[in-house]
Amino acid sequence: MSEDLVNDIKDAVSVINDPHMGVSIVEMGIVQNITVDGDQAEIIIKPTNPGCMSITRIAADAKIKAESVEGIDNAKIIVEGHAMADSINEMINR
């Protein structure tokens, strides 16, 4: 079941495009990993540029899309490889 949820989350976040490239964040490899434990999801995203100005919007959109998947009550987004990753993670996962 969790593998199905992982695939459902991947499908849900794949509609989010990198605003500069116009390509899905899944296709670009920005989504590094998705795990599910019960009704909790964790998504690791890594921008292509450590100073990416759009990663906060991408992270927020990924959280919204993941939490819209039936069976997921909470999605934790973890931004890695960004100069402000700690601050972004704290803000997105309040």
C-alpha atoms as a PDB file:
ATOM      1  CA  MET A   1       0.000   0.000   0.000  1.00  0.00           C
ATOM      2  CA  SER A   2       2.755   2.500   0.835  1.00  0.00           C
ATOM      3  CA  GLU A   3       4.328   1.875  -2.586  1.00  0.00           C
ATOM      4  CA  ASP A   4       0.993   2.847  -4.149  1.00  0.00           C
ATOM      5  CA  LEU A   5       0.931   6.004  -2.015  1.00  0.00           C
ATOM      6  CA  VAL A   6       4.496   6.846  -3.042  1.00  0.00           C
ATOM      7  CA  ASN A   7       3.454   6.553  -6.689  1.00  0.00           C
ATOM      8  CA  ASP A   8       0.326   8.633  -6.056  1.00  0.00           C
ATOM      9  CA  ILE A   9       2.432  11.354  -4.411  1.00  0.00           C
ATOM     10  CA  LYS A  10       4.940  11.239  -7.261  1.00  0.00           C
ATOM     11  CA  ASP A  11       2.078  11.686  -9.731  1.00  0.00           C
ATOM     12  CA  ALA A  12       0.622  14.549  -7.663  1.00  0.00           C
ATOM     13  CA  VAL A  13       3.884  16.512  -7.433  1.00  0.00           C
ATOM     14  CA  SER A  14       4.855  15.809 -11.045  1.00  0.00           C
ATOM     15  CA  VAL A  15       2.457  18.573 -12.162  1.00  0.00           C
ATOM     16  CA  ILE A  16       4.688  21.144 -10.416  1.00  0.00           C
ATOM     17  CA  ASN A  17       7.026  22.702 -12.940  1.00  0.00           C
ATOM     18  CA  ASP A  18      10.319  24.411 -12.302  1.00  0.00           C
ATOM     19  CA  PRO A  19       9.340  28.029 -13.056  1.00  0.00           C
ATOM     20  CA  HIS A  20      12.555  28.727 -14.966  1.00  0.00           C
ATOM     21  CA  MET A  21      12.670  25.584 -17.087  1.00  0.00           C
ATOM     22  CA  GLY A  22       8.962  24.766 -17.413  1.00  0.00           C
ATOM     23  CA  VAL A  23       9.736  21.095 -16.742  1.00  0.00           C
ATOM     24  CA  SER A  24       8.284  18.886 -14.010  1.00  0.00           C
ATOM     25  CA  ILE A  25      10.269  18.837 -10.763  1.00  0.00           C
ATOM     26  CA  VAL A  26      10.067  15.035 -10.924  1.00  0.00           C
ATOM     27  CA  GLU A  27      11.490  14.901 -14.473  1.00  0.00           C
ATOM     28  CA  MET A  28      14.253  17.351 -13.517  1.00  0.00           C
ATOM     29  CA  GLY A  29      15.307  15.201 -10.565  1.00  0.00           C
ATOM     30  CA  ILE A  30      14.531  17.916  -8.012  1.00  0.00           C
ATOM     31  CA  VAL A  31      12.390  15.359  -6.172  1.00  0.00           C
ATOM     32  CA  GLN A  32      15.115  13.129  -4.736  1.00  0.00           C
ATOM     33  CA  ASN A  33      13.074  10.706  -2.621  1.00  0.00           C
ATOM     34  CA  ILE A  34       9.552  10.032  -1.396  1.00  0.00           C
ATOM     35  CA  THR A  35       8.787   7.805   1.588  1.00  0.00           C
ATOM     36  CA  VAL A  36       5.517   6.974   3.303  1.00  0.00           C
ATOM     37  CA  ASP A  37       4.952   5.702   6.832  1.00  0.00           C
ATOM     38  CA  GLY A  38       1.265   5.210   7.521  1.00  0.00           C
ATOM     39  CA  ASP A  39      -0.442   8.496   6.668  1.00  0.00           C
ATOM     40  CA  GLN A  40       2.830  10.474   6.868  1.00  0.00           C
ATOM     41  CA  ALA A  41       4.908  11.293   3.792  1.00  0.00           C
ATOM     42  CA  GLU A  42       8.415  12.664   3.530  1.00  0.00           C
ATOM     43  CA  ILE A  43       9.688  14.243   0.341  1.00  0.00           C
ATOM     44  CA  ILE A  44      13.308  15.231  -0.170  1.00  0.00           C
ATOM     45  CA  ILE A  45      13.847  17.918  -2.770  1.00  0.00           C
ATOM     46  CA  LYS A  46      17.132  19.315  -3.968  1.00  0.00           C
ATOM     47  CA  PRO A  47      17.256  22.364  -6.213  1.00  0.00           C
ATOM     48  CA  THR A  48      19.557  22.406  -9.214  1.00  0.00           C
ATOM     49  CA  ASN A  49      21.113  25.613  -7.866  1.00  0.00           C
ATOM     50  CA  PRO A  50      22.029  26.134  -4.177  1.00  0.00           C
ATOM     51  CA  GLY A  51      20.745  29.707  -4.410  1.00  0.00           C
ATOM     52  CA  CYS A  52      17.499  28.916  -6.257  1.00  0.00           C
ATOM     53  CA  MET A  53      14.981  31.676  -5.546  1.00  0.00           C
ATOM     54  CA  SER A  54      12.001  29.445  -6.390  1.00  0.00           C
ATOM     55  CA  ILE A  55      12.633  26.508  -4.063  1.00  0.00           C
ATOM     56  CA  THR A  56      10.382  27.834  -1.287  1.00  0.00           C
ATOM     57  CA  ARG A  57       7.432  28.007  -3.705  1.00  0.00           C
ATOM     58  CA  ILE A  58       8.285  24.562  -5.083  1.00  0.00           C
ATOM     59  CA  ALA A  59       8.492  23.114  -1.555  1.00  0.00           C
ATOM     60  CA  ALA A  60       5.180  24.694  -0.522  1.00  0.00           C
ATOM     61  CA  ASP A  61       3.478  23.429  -3.685  1.00  0.00           C
ATOM     62  CA  ALA A  62       4.904  19.933  -3.134  1.00  0.00           C
ATOM     63  CA  LYS A  63       3.519  19.881   0.407  1.00  0.00           C
ATOM     64  CA  ILE A  64       0.053  20.942  -0.767  1.00  0.00           C
ATOM     65  CA  LYS A  65      -0.001  18.415  -3.612  1.00  0.00           C
ATOM     66  CA  ALA A  66       1.259  15.554  -1.425  1.00  0.00           C
ATOM     67  CA  GLU A  67      -1.295  16.292   1.289  1.00  0.00           C
ATOM     68  CA  SER A  68      -4.064  16.245  -1.322  1.00  0.00           C
ATOM     69  CA  VAL A  69      -3.368  12.550  -1.941  1.00  0.00           C
ATOM     70  CA  GLU A  70      -5.978  10.331  -0.330  1.00  0.00           C
ATOM     71  CA  GLY A  71      -4.406   8.498   2.607  1.00  0.00           C
ATOM     72  CA  ILE A  72      -1.798  11.191   3.353  1.00  0.00           C
ATOM     73  CA  ASP A  73      -2.537  13.456   6.322  1.00  0.00           C
ATOM     74  CA  ASN A  74       0.844  15.174   6.598  1.00  0.00           C
ATOM     75  CA  ALA A  75       3.767  15.661   4.245  1.00  0.00           C
ATOM     76  CA  LYS A  76       7.147  16.734   5.548  1.00  0.00           C
ATOM     77  CA  ILE A  77       9.266  18.454   2.934  1.00  0.00           C
ATOM     78  CA  ILE A  78      13.021  18.379   3.343  1.00  0.00           C
ATOM     79  CA  VAL A  79      15.041  20.760   1.183  1.00  0.00           C
ATOM     80  CA  GLU A  80      18.679  19.722   0.803  1.00  0.00           C
ATOM     81  CA  GLY A  81      21.577  21.424  -0.917  1.00  0.00           C
ATOM     82  CA  HIS A  82      20.261  24.976  -0.670  1.00  0.00           C
ATOM     83  CA  ALA A  83      21.985  27.847   1.088  1.00  0.00           C
ATOM     84  CA  MET A  84      18.867  28.477   3.209  1.00  0.00           C
ATOM     85  CA  ALA A  85      17.668  24.878   3.550  1.00  0.00           C
ATOM     86  CA  ASP A  86      17.299  24.969   7.348  1.00  0.00           C
ATOM     87  CA  SER A  87      15.156  28.108   7.302  1.00  0.00           C
ATOM     88  CA  ILE A  88      13.023  26.865   4.425  1.00  0.00           C
ATOM     89  CA  ASN A  89      12.466  23.484   6.078  1.00  0.00           C
ATOM     90  CA  GLU A  90      11.416  25.127   9.331  1.00  0.00           C
ATOM     91  CA  MET A  91       8.995  27.462   7.558  1.00  0.00           C
ATOM     92  CA  ILE A  92       7.428  24.830   5.277  1.00  0.00           C
ATOM     93  CA  ASN A  93       6.929  22.205   7.999  1.00  0.00           C
ATOM     94  CA  ARG A  94       5.394  24.369  10.756  1.00  0.00           C
END
